[in-house]
Amino acid sequence: MLISVKGRNVEITDALRRYAEKKIQKLEKYLGAIKEAHVTETVERGQHVIEVQLEGDGFRLRGEERTDDMYASIDQVVEKLERRVHRFKGRIYERRKGEGSKEKEALKEAITQEAIGTDEAPSDEELPEIVRTKHFSIKPMMPEEAALEMELMHYDFYVFLNADTEQVNVVYRRRDGNYGLIEPEQ
């Protein structure tokens, strides 16, 4: 597995780099298909933030933790990713057994956060601005696969190319714990 450790607003010491690499490598015993791991360490407002993104054959996992100590942040994000890897492997196993309804129930139980959003429009003084742009590759998949990918990445929404309609769709987490699908109309 290729592990890259980068720092943003912080200098990465050799000891910290070795510690992060050692902890991330432990994830290989749970999921050997990990090809790359990207670790970004940041200090924001006195908090040590660790963001880890794992990439492998057909999957991506992402985790983020923030504490007052960089080493504690690394420990917590690795624990979080271990739990997600176990859940991910369980869902793959259930899917292969052909028990799709159990997989859907497991997805519903795994969702504990509510979707972000309000019905109130901001005033002219509070209009948000675009402060970050992300680029990503888009691949064809079924909406159920996109929901699983969204859950694994710990996102509130996920943009994907619908394999059936060949259109860009968005799957998102609803406040009631289910998923929503946004399809464009022409």
Protein backbone atom coordinates (compact mmCIF):
# COMPACT_ATOMS: atom_id res chain seq x y z
CA MET A 1 0.00 0.00 0.00
CA LEU A 2 1.27 3.46 -0.92
CA ILE A 3 0.84 5.89 1.99
CA SER A 4 1.30 9.62 1.57
CA VAL A 5 1.38 11.85 4.65
CA LYS A 6 1.05 15.59 4.11
CA GLY A 7 0.75 18.55 6.42
CA ARG A 8 -1.30 21.68 5.97
CA ASN A 9 -0.37 24.55 8.32
CA VAL A 10 1.85 22.10 10.21
CA GLU A 11 5.27 20.56 9.70
CA ILE A 12 5.24 16.76 9.73
CA THR A 13 8.00 15.29 11.86
CA ASP A 14 9.52 11.91 11.02
CA ALA A 15 8.08 10.45 14.24
CA LEU A 16 4.57 11.66 13.37
CA ARG A 17 4.90 10.35 9.80
CA ARG A 18 6.06 6.92 11.03
CA TYR A 19 3.25 6.79 13.60
CA ALA A 20 0.58 7.61 10.99
CA GLU A 21 2.01 5.10 8.50
CA LYS A 22 2.17 2.35 11.14
CA LYS A 23 -1.45 2.92 12.21
CA ILE A 24 -2.77 3.10 8.62
CA GLN A 25 -0.95 -0.11 7.66
CA LYS A 26 -2.94 -1.95 10.34
CA LEU A 27 -6.03 -1.47 8.17
CA GLU A 28 -4.53 -3.81 5.55
CA LYS A 29 -5.20 -6.82 7.77
CA TYR A 30 -8.93 -6.04 7.59
CA LEU A 31 -9.06 -5.05 3.94
CA GLY A 32 -6.07 -6.16 1.86
CA ALA A 33 -7.28 -4.48 -1.32
CA ILE A 34 -6.17 -1.00 -0.20
CA LYS A 35 -3.85 0.46 -2.84
CA GLU A 36 -3.36 4.02 -1.61
CA ALA A 37 -3.82 5.94 1.61
CA HIS A 38 -3.70 9.73 1.72
CA VAL A 39 -3.25 11.26 5.17
CA THR A 40 -3.58 15.02 5.61
CA GLU A 41 -2.69 16.55 8.94
CA THR A 42 -3.89 20.08 9.68
CA VAL A 43 -4.03 22.47 12.61
CA GLU A 44 -7.19 24.61 12.66
CA ARG A 45 -8.04 26.88 15.58
CA GLY A 46 -5.87 24.89 17.96
CA GLN A 47 -7.40 21.57 16.90
CA HIS A 48 -5.35 18.81 15.27
CA VAL A 49 -7.31 17.48 12.30
CA ILE A 50 -6.49 14.21 10.56
CA GLU A 51 -8.17 13.32 7.27
CA VAL A 52 -7.54 9.86 5.80
CA GLN A 53 -8.72 8.67 2.42
CA LEU A 54 -8.23 5.01 1.45
CA GLU A 55 -8.55 3.88 -2.16
CA GLY A 56 -8.69 0.35 -3.53
CA ASP A 57 -10.31 -1.75 -6.21
CA GLY A 58 -13.76 -0.24 -6.58
CA PHE A 59 -14.00 1.51 -3.21
CA ARG A 60 -12.94 4.60 -1.33
CA LEU A 61 -13.17 5.18 2.41
CA ARG A 62 -12.73 8.53 4.12
CA GLY A 63 -12.45 9.47 7.75
CA GLU A 64 -11.74 12.65 9.67
CA GLU A 65 -11.09 13.34 13.35
CA ARG A 66 -10.11 16.41 15.34
CA THR A 67 -8.73 16.55 18.87
CA ASP A 68 -6.23 18.56 20.90
CA ASP A 69 -3.48 16.00 20.17
CA MET A 70 -2.30 14.87 16.71
CA TYR A 71 -1.53 11.32 17.89
CA ALA A 72 -5.00 10.98 19.46
CA SER A 73 -6.55 12.21 16.22
CA ILE A 74 -4.65 9.55 14.29
CA ASP A 75 -5.78 6.83 16.74
CA GLN A 76 -9.42 7.91 16.56
CA VAL A 77 -9.58 8.16 12.77
CA VAL A 78 -8.02 4.69 12.41
CA GLU A 79 -10.59 3.26 14.85
CA LYS A 80 -13.38 4.93 12.88
CA LEU A 81 -12.05 3.50 9.60
CA GLU A 82 -11.74 0.03 11.16
CA ARG A 83 -15.45 0.13 12.06
CA ARG A 84 -16.33 1.24 8.53
CA VAL A 85 -14.18 -1.49 6.98
CA HIS A 86 -15.97 -4.12 9.09
CA ARG A 87 -19.34 -2.69 8.05
CA PHE A 88 -18.22 -2.52 4.40
CA LYS A 89 -17.04 -6.13 4.41
CA GLY A 90 -20.30 -7.23 6.05
CA ARG A 91 -22.36 -5.53 3.35
CA ILE A 92 -20.30 -7.10 0.58
CA TYR A 93 -20.76 -10.52 2.22
CA GLU A 94 -24.52 -10.02 2.52
CA ARG A 95 -24.77 -8.85 -1.09
CA ARG A 96 -22.92 -11.95 -2.31
CA LYS A 97 -25.27 -14.17 -0.29
CA GLY A 98 -28.19 -12.58 -2.14
CA GLU A 99 -29.84 -11.06 0.91
CA GLY A 100 -30.50 -7.58 -0.49
CA SER A 101 -33.26 -6.75 2.00
CA LYS A 102 -30.92 -7.34 4.95
CA GLU A 103 -28.37 -5.05 3.29
CA LYS A 104 -30.95 -2.29 3.02
CA GLU A 105 -31.89 -2.73 6.68
CA ALA A 106 -28.21 -2.60 7.66
CA LEU A 107 -27.82 0.63 5.68
CA LYS A 108 -30.81 2.17 7.45
CA GLU A 109 -29.46 1.20 10.86
CA ALA A 110 -25.99 2.52 10.03
CA ILE A 111 -27.28 6.01 9.31
CA THR A 112 -27.36 8.13 12.44
CA GLN A 113 -26.77 11.63 11.14
CA GLU A 114 -29.36 13.91 9.67
CA ALA A 115 -29.00 15.60 6.31
CA ILE A 116 -27.73 19.14 6.32
CA GLY A 117 -30.10 21.75 4.99
CA THR A 118 -32.73 24.28 5.91
CA ASP A 119 -35.76 25.75 4.20
CA GLU A 120 -34.82 29.32 5.09
CA ALA A 121 -33.13 31.44 2.43
CA PRO A 122 -30.18 33.52 3.63
CA SER A 123 -30.44 37.29 3.58
CA ASP A 124 -28.33 39.31 1.14
CA GLU A 125 -25.76 39.97 3.88
CA GLU A 126 -25.40 36.25 4.67
CA LEU A 127 -24.96 34.88 1.14
CA PRO A 128 -22.35 32.13 1.19
CA GLU A 129 -19.36 32.17 -1.09
CA ILE A 130 -17.55 29.31 -2.77
CA VAL A 131 -14.36 28.81 -0.78
CA ARG A 132 -13.25 25.41 -2.08
CA THR A 133 -13.55 23.47 -5.32
CA LYS A 134 -13.16 19.71 -5.53
CA HIS A 135 -12.58 17.65 -8.64
CA PHE A 136 -13.38 13.96 -8.81
CA SER A 137 -13.78 11.23 -11.35
CA ILE A 138 -17.30 10.06 -12.01
CA LYS A 139 -18.10 6.45 -12.79
CA PRO A 140 -21.28 4.65 -13.78
CA MET A 141 -23.06 2.87 -10.94
CA MET A 142 -26.50 1.99 -9.63
CA PRO A 143 -28.11 4.33 -7.07
CA GLU A 144 -27.78 1.65 -4.36
CA GLU A 145 -24.03 1.44 -5.03
CA ALA A 146 -23.79 5.23 -4.84
CA ALA A 147 -25.57 5.21 -1.47
CA LEU A 148 -23.10 2.63 -0.19
CA GLU A 149 -20.16 4.66 -1.52
CA MET A 150 -21.61 7.79 0.11
CA GLU A 151 -21.89 5.98 3.44
CA LEU A 152 -18.35 4.62 3.21
CA MET A 153 -16.96 8.07 2.44
CA HIS A 154 -19.07 9.50 5.26
CA TYR A 155 -20.58 12.16 3.00
CA ASP A 156 -24.07 13.65 3.17
CA PHE A 157 -24.48 13.40 -0.61
CA TYR A 158 -22.78 11.70 -3.54
CA VAL A 159 -22.66 12.64 -7.23
CA PHE A 160 -22.50 9.73 -9.69
CA LEU A 161 -23.31 8.65 -13.24
CA ASN A 162 -26.46 6.53 -13.17
CA ALA A 163 -25.68 3.27 -15.02
CA ASP A 164 -29.33 2.90 -16.16
CA THR A 165 -30.07 6.43 -17.38
CA GLU A 166 -26.48 7.52 -18.19
CA GLN A 167 -27.20 10.86 -16.50
CA VAL A 168 -25.51 12.56 -13.59
CA ASN A 169 -27.52 11.93 -10.38
CA VAL A 170 -27.13 12.82 -6.73
CA VAL A 171 -27.96 10.53 -3.84
CA TYR A 172 -28.34 12.16 -0.42
CA ARG A 173 -29.13 11.28 3.17
CA ARG A 174 -32.57 12.35 4.36
CA ARG A 175 -33.42 13.45 7.90
CA ASP A 176 -35.68 10.39 8.35
CA GLY A 177 -32.67 8.08 7.85
CA ASN A 178 -33.49 7.05 4.30
CA TYR A 179 -31.84 8.13 1.06
CA GLY A 180 -33.05 10.51 -1.61
CA LEU A 181 -32.18 10.48 -5.31
CA ILE A 182 -32.01 13.62 -7.45
CA GLU A 183 -32.43 13.03 -11.18
CA PRO A 184 -32.28 15.89 -13.70
CA GLU A 185 -35.20 16.62 -16.03
CA GLN A 186 -34.54 17.66 -19.58
